[in-house]
Protein backbone atom coordinates (compact mmCIF):
# COMPACT_ATOMS: atom_id res chain seq x y z
CA UNK A 1 81.11 132.22 94.47
CA UNK A 2 83.77 134.70 95.85
CA UNK A 3 87.23 133.18 97.77
CA UNK A 4 90.16 134.25 99.42
CA UNK A 5 92.54 131.82 98.88
CA UNK A 6 91.63 130.85 95.26
CA UNK A 7 90.54 132.17 92.32
CA UNK A 8 87.64 130.21 90.02
CA UNK A 9 87.20 130.87 86.48
CA UNK A 10 85.58 129.05 83.61
CA UNK A 11 87.18 128.41 80.06
CA UNK A 12 84.64 126.67 78.17
CA UNK A 13 83.93 122.87 79.55
CA UNK A 14 86.93 123.61 82.41
CA UNK A 15 86.51 124.91 85.79
CA UNK A 16 90.01 126.18 86.31
CA UNK A 17 90.81 126.65 90.24
CA UNK A 18 94.02 129.09 90.63
CA UNK A 19 95.99 129.18 93.98
CA UNK A 20 95.85 132.59 95.19
CA UNK A 21 98.10 133.14 97.90
CA UNK A 22 101.43 134.78 96.38
CA UNK A 23 102.43 136.21 99.45
CA UNK A 24 102.50 132.68 100.90
CA UNK A 25 103.64 131.02 97.74
CA UNK A 26 100.34 129.08 97.44
CA UNK A 27 100.84 127.43 100.28
CA UNK A 28 97.47 125.12 101.20
CA UNK A 29 96.03 126.29 104.52
CA UNK A 30 92.94 124.37 105.96
CA UNK A 31 90.91 127.54 104.80
CA UNK A 32 92.01 127.04 101.45
CA UNK A 33 90.87 123.32 101.65
CA UNK A 34 87.62 124.55 102.63
CA UNK A 35 87.48 126.63 99.69
CA UNK A 36 88.51 124.13 97.48
CA UNK A 37 85.79 121.70 98.28
CA UNK A 38 83.36 124.07 97.75
CA UNK A 39 84.98 124.57 94.17
CA UNK A 40 84.57 121.02 93.70
CA UNK A 41 80.87 120.86 94.85
CA UNK A 42 79.99 123.47 92.36
CA UNK A 43 81.86 121.75 89.24
CA UNK A 44 80.04 118.48 90.25
CA UNK A 45 76.54 120.37 90.15
CA UNK A 46 77.09 122.04 87.02
CA UNK A 47 76.75 119.73 83.90
CA UNK A 48 78.65 122.12 81.28
CA UNK A 49 82.04 121.53 83.37
CA UNK A 50 83.29 118.59 82.12
CA UNK A 51 86.69 118.69 84.09
CA UNK A 52 88.64 120.35 86.81
CA UNK A 53 92.02 121.80 86.68
CA UNK A 54 94.35 123.28 89.11
CA UNK A 55 96.91 125.77 88.60
CA UNK A 56 99.07 128.22 90.72
CA UNK A 57 101.05 130.93 89.58
CA UNK A 58 104.54 130.80 87.04
CA UNK A 59 106.69 130.75 89.63
CA UNK A 60 105.38 128.02 92.12
CA UNK A 61 102.17 125.55 91.56
CA UNK A 62 102.17 125.18 95.42
CA UNK A 63 104.98 125.61 98.04
CA UNK A 64 103.02 122.74 100.06
CA UNK A 65 100.87 122.92 103.22
CA UNK A 66 100.77 126.27 105.42
CA UNK A 67 102.91 125.50 108.06
CA UNK A 68 101.26 127.57 110.52
CA UNK A 69 98.50 124.96 110.60
CA UNK A 70 101.34 122.38 111.23
CA UNK A 71 102.87 124.36 113.91
CA UNK A 72 99.39 124.61 115.75
CA UNK A 73 99.26 120.79 116.08
CA UNK A 74 100.09 120.00 119.86
CA UNK A 75 99.54 116.26 119.64
CA UNK A 76 98.55 113.00 117.82
CA UNK A 77 94.59 113.86 118.06
CA UNK A 78 95.31 117.53 115.97
CA UNK A 79 97.55 115.59 113.82
CA UNK A 80 94.92 113.32 112.89
CA UNK A 81 92.13 115.67 112.77
CA UNK A 82 94.22 117.93 110.47
CA UNK A 83 95.03 115.03 108.14
CA UNK A 84 91.45 113.96 108.05
CA UNK A 85 90.82 117.17 106.39
CA UNK A 86 93.53 116.71 103.45
CA UNK A 87 92.08 113.29 103.25
CA UNK A 88 88.91 114.54 102.75
CA UNK A 89 89.98 116.91 100.23
CA UNK A 90 91.96 114.44 97.88
CA UNK A 91 89.05 111.94 98.36
CA UNK A 92 86.64 114.60 96.96
CA UNK A 93 89.22 115.02 93.97
CA UNK A 94 89.60 111.04 93.41
CA UNK A 95 85.75 110.44 93.84
CA UNK A 96 84.81 113.59 91.31
CA UNK A 97 83.15 111.62 88.25
CA UNK A 98 84.84 114.38 86.20
CA UNK A 99 88.28 114.58 85.09
CA UNK A 100 90.80 116.66 87.25
CA UNK A 101 93.94 117.86 86.09
CA UNK A 102 97.00 119.80 87.56
CA UNK A 103 98.76 122.32 85.00
CA UNK A 104 101.87 122.83 86.93
CA UNK A 105 104.56 125.94 86.60
CA UNK A 106 107.44 126.46 88.99
CA UNK A 107 107.92 124.94 92.25
CA UNK A 108 105.26 122.02 93.50
CA UNK A 109 106.38 120.83 96.75
CA UNK A 110 105.14 118.52 99.70
CA UNK A 111 101.80 119.40 100.26
CA UNK A 112 101.26 120.81 96.82
CA UNK A 113 102.69 117.61 95.20
CA UNK A 114 100.38 115.62 97.24
CA UNK A 115 97.39 117.40 96.23
CA UNK A 116 99.11 117.14 92.50
CA UNK A 117 99.35 113.38 93.04
CA UNK A 118 95.70 113.25 93.99
CA UNK A 119 94.65 114.49 90.12
CA UNK A 120 93.82 112.14 87.41
CA UNK A 121 96.38 114.08 85.05
CA UNK A 122 99.38 116.00 85.46
CA UNK A 123 101.04 118.54 82.95
CA UNK A 124 104.06 120.50 83.68
CA UNK A 125 105.96 123.31 82.22
CA UNK A 126 109.47 123.11 81.35
CA UNK A 127 111.29 124.36 84.19
CA UNK A 128 108.69 122.85 86.88
CA UNK A 129 110.50 121.10 89.62
CA UNK A 130 108.82 118.47 92.30
CA UNK A 131 109.74 117.14 95.98
CA UNK A 132 108.48 115.97 99.08
CA UNK A 133 110.62 117.60 101.51
CA UNK A 134 109.27 116.25 104.72
CA UNK A 135 112.35 114.37 105.94
CA UNK A 136 114.15 118.06 105.81
CA UNK A 137 112.06 119.12 108.75
CA UNK A 138 111.56 115.99 110.75
CA UNK A 139 108.17 115.10 109.33
CA UNK A 140 106.57 112.64 106.89
CA UNK A 141 104.41 113.12 104.09
CA UNK A 142 100.60 112.99 105.75
CA UNK A 143 98.16 114.07 102.95
CA UNK A 144 98.95 110.78 100.81
CA UNK A 145 102.38 111.12 99.35
CA UNK A 146 103.67 108.03 100.90
CA UNK A 147 100.83 105.97 99.26
CA UNK A 148 100.34 107.70 95.79
CA UNK A 149 103.91 108.56 94.70
CA UNK A 150 104.81 104.67 95.05
CA UNK A 151 101.39 103.97 93.19
CA UNK A 152 102.47 106.31 90.70
CA UNK A 153 106.07 105.77 89.77
CA UNK A 154 106.95 102.44 91.84
CA UNK A 155 108.06 101.77 95.00
CA UNK A 156 111.97 102.16 94.63
CA UNK A 157 111.60 105.80 92.93
CA UNK A 158 109.02 106.84 95.59
CA UNK A 159 111.54 105.82 98.40
CA UNK A 160 114.49 107.50 96.74
CA UNK A 161 112.72 110.70 96.31
CA UNK A 162 111.50 110.56 100.22
CA UNK A 163 114.66 109.92 101.39
CA UNK A 164 116.54 112.31 99.87
CA UNK A 165 113.83 115.15 99.73
CA UNK A 166 115.15 117.03 97.14
CA UNK A 167 113.77 118.27 93.96
CA UNK A 168 113.57 116.65 90.66
CA UNK A 169 113.08 118.77 87.37
CA UNK A 170 110.04 118.25 85.04
CA UNK A 171 112.48 116.33 82.76
CA UNK A 172 112.88 113.45 85.06
CA UNK A 173 109.17 114.14 86.48
CA UNK A 174 108.14 113.43 82.86
CA UNK A 175 110.78 110.22 82.49
CA UNK A 176 109.60 108.33 85.67
CA UNK A 177 105.93 109.09 84.96
CA UNK A 178 105.39 111.58 87.62
CA UNK A 179 103.50 113.95 85.03
CA UNK A 180 101.80 112.95 82.18
CA UNK A 181 102.66 115.58 79.66
CA UNK A 182 105.62 117.87 79.49
CA UNK A 183 104.47 121.31 78.01
CA UNK A 184 106.74 124.23 77.09
CA UNK A 185 107.32 126.31 79.89
CA UNK A 186 104.75 128.83 80.61
CA UNK A 187 101.97 126.59 78.62
CA UNK A 188 100.76 123.75 81.14
CA UNK A 189 97.25 125.18 81.62
CA UNK A 190 96.80 126.05 77.59
CA UNK A 191 97.78 122.16 77.24
CA UNK A 192 95.36 121.04 80.03
CA UNK A 193 92.65 123.31 78.65
CA UNK A 194 93.28 121.59 75.06
CA UNK A 195 92.85 118.38 76.86
CA UNK A 196 89.47 119.14 78.36
CA UNK A 197 88.42 120.44 75.34
CA UNK A 198 88.93 117.16 73.63
CA UNK A 199 87.18 115.49 76.57
CA UNK A 200 84.29 117.60 76.20
CA UNK A 201 83.60 115.69 72.88
CA UNK A 202 83.26 112.24 74.75
CA UNK A 203 80.20 111.03 76.83
CA UNK A 204 80.58 112.44 80.11
CA UNK A 205 79.20 109.05 82.17
CA UNK A 206 81.97 106.87 80.15
CA UNK A 207 84.81 109.35 81.47
CA UNK A 208 83.07 109.08 85.04
CA UNK A 209 82.87 105.58 85.08
CA UNK A 210 86.61 104.73 83.66
CA UNK A 211 87.65 106.80 86.34
CA UNK A 212 85.99 105.02 89.14
CA UNK A 213 86.42 101.77 87.49
CA UNK A 214 90.39 102.62 87.19
CA UNK A 215 90.54 103.88 90.69
CA UNK A 216 88.40 101.59 92.31
CA UNK A 217 90.15 98.58 90.69
CA UNK A 218 93.34 99.55 91.75
CA UNK A 219 92.49 98.86 95.16
CA UNK A 220 91.09 95.52 94.41
CA UNK A 221 92.72 92.20 93.50
CA UNK A 222 92.29 91.19 89.77
CA UNK A 223 89.23 89.23 90.10
CA UNK A 224 87.67 91.61 92.01
CA UNK A 225 88.40 94.51 89.76
CA UNK A 226 87.11 92.59 86.54
CA UNK A 227 83.98 92.08 88.18
CA UNK A 228 83.64 95.73 89.35
CA UNK A 229 84.20 96.47 85.77
CA UNK A 230 81.81 94.39 84.65
CA UNK A 231 79.10 95.71 86.68
CA UNK A 232 80.03 99.40 85.39
CA UNK A 233 80.17 98.21 81.86
CA UNK A 234 76.93 96.33 82.27
CA UNK A 235 75.33 99.70 83.69
CA UNK A 236 76.62 101.98 80.90
CA UNK A 237 75.01 99.98 78.39
CA UNK A 238 71.53 101.19 79.61
CA UNK A 239 72.28 104.90 78.99
CA UNK A 240 71.11 106.93 76.08
CA UNK A 241 74.67 108.23 75.35
CA UNK A 242 75.76 104.64 74.49
CA UNK A 243 72.81 104.44 72.13
CA UNK A 244 73.81 107.50 70.69
CA UNK A 245 77.22 106.88 70.77
CA UNK A 246 76.96 103.55 68.61
CA UNK A 247 74.40 105.05 66.32
CA UNK A 248 76.47 108.01 65.53
CA UNK A 249 79.38 105.67 64.80
CA UNK A 250 77.56 103.63 62.45
CA UNK A 251 75.90 106.79 60.72
CA UNK A 252 79.05 108.17 60.46
CA UNK A 253 78.24 111.55 62.29
CA UNK A 254 79.33 113.40 65.43
CA UNK A 255 77.48 111.97 68.59
CA UNK A 256 75.42 114.57 70.35
CA UNK A 257 76.15 113.37 73.72
CA UNK A 258 74.04 114.64 76.88
CA UNK A 259 75.22 113.15 79.76
CA UNK A 260 72.31 110.42 80.49
């Protein structure tokens, strides 16, 4: 499918979604969200796609939400409708039964960072920088930043970043756990693609169920989370891939997973 605000490419098992609004520094508009949702639907429908990678240009992953959309908001109802679009997008990323990675170079700001926070894994090249700058323009992060950031880096560090509205570099982002891996500058996408090639060797349903268990369980108390985990683990024991995986291990051969 042809897109305007994004570009999609297949690199083996990965569907790479590249922000393609260089004049706007890859700002995410409502139209961009619609295109990403379509691309995620394509990824979900294609068994050969084992993971999705978001990336941008060498100088900026994304400068954030398109402020032209923000300026068009005239009241609380418009604001709620606008942020519902964001939540639908990030929700689709989090519920996709495949790993979603962000390969970040350059600036990753506000809405761009909020989108990255909804990814399962974040990889950044040295020289990348991160910030939620809402306090500079009299707003508050509304695309999940106030909720996902503290769940990833802790409440105190999240508040420090939100209050200051100043960028941190990739090394600091790695130190506080905001990103999973720190790559050589310019090699974030290559690193993400290598990770997906490893994921390709794993059972697709195992990855999907693990993602569902972690993300769902994080919203529950421990007892409920363990019950949820038990249900998912018991379910996967009825799959062909479980039988193939254990048989291959006992027979000392590579498993041939089919996703069934």
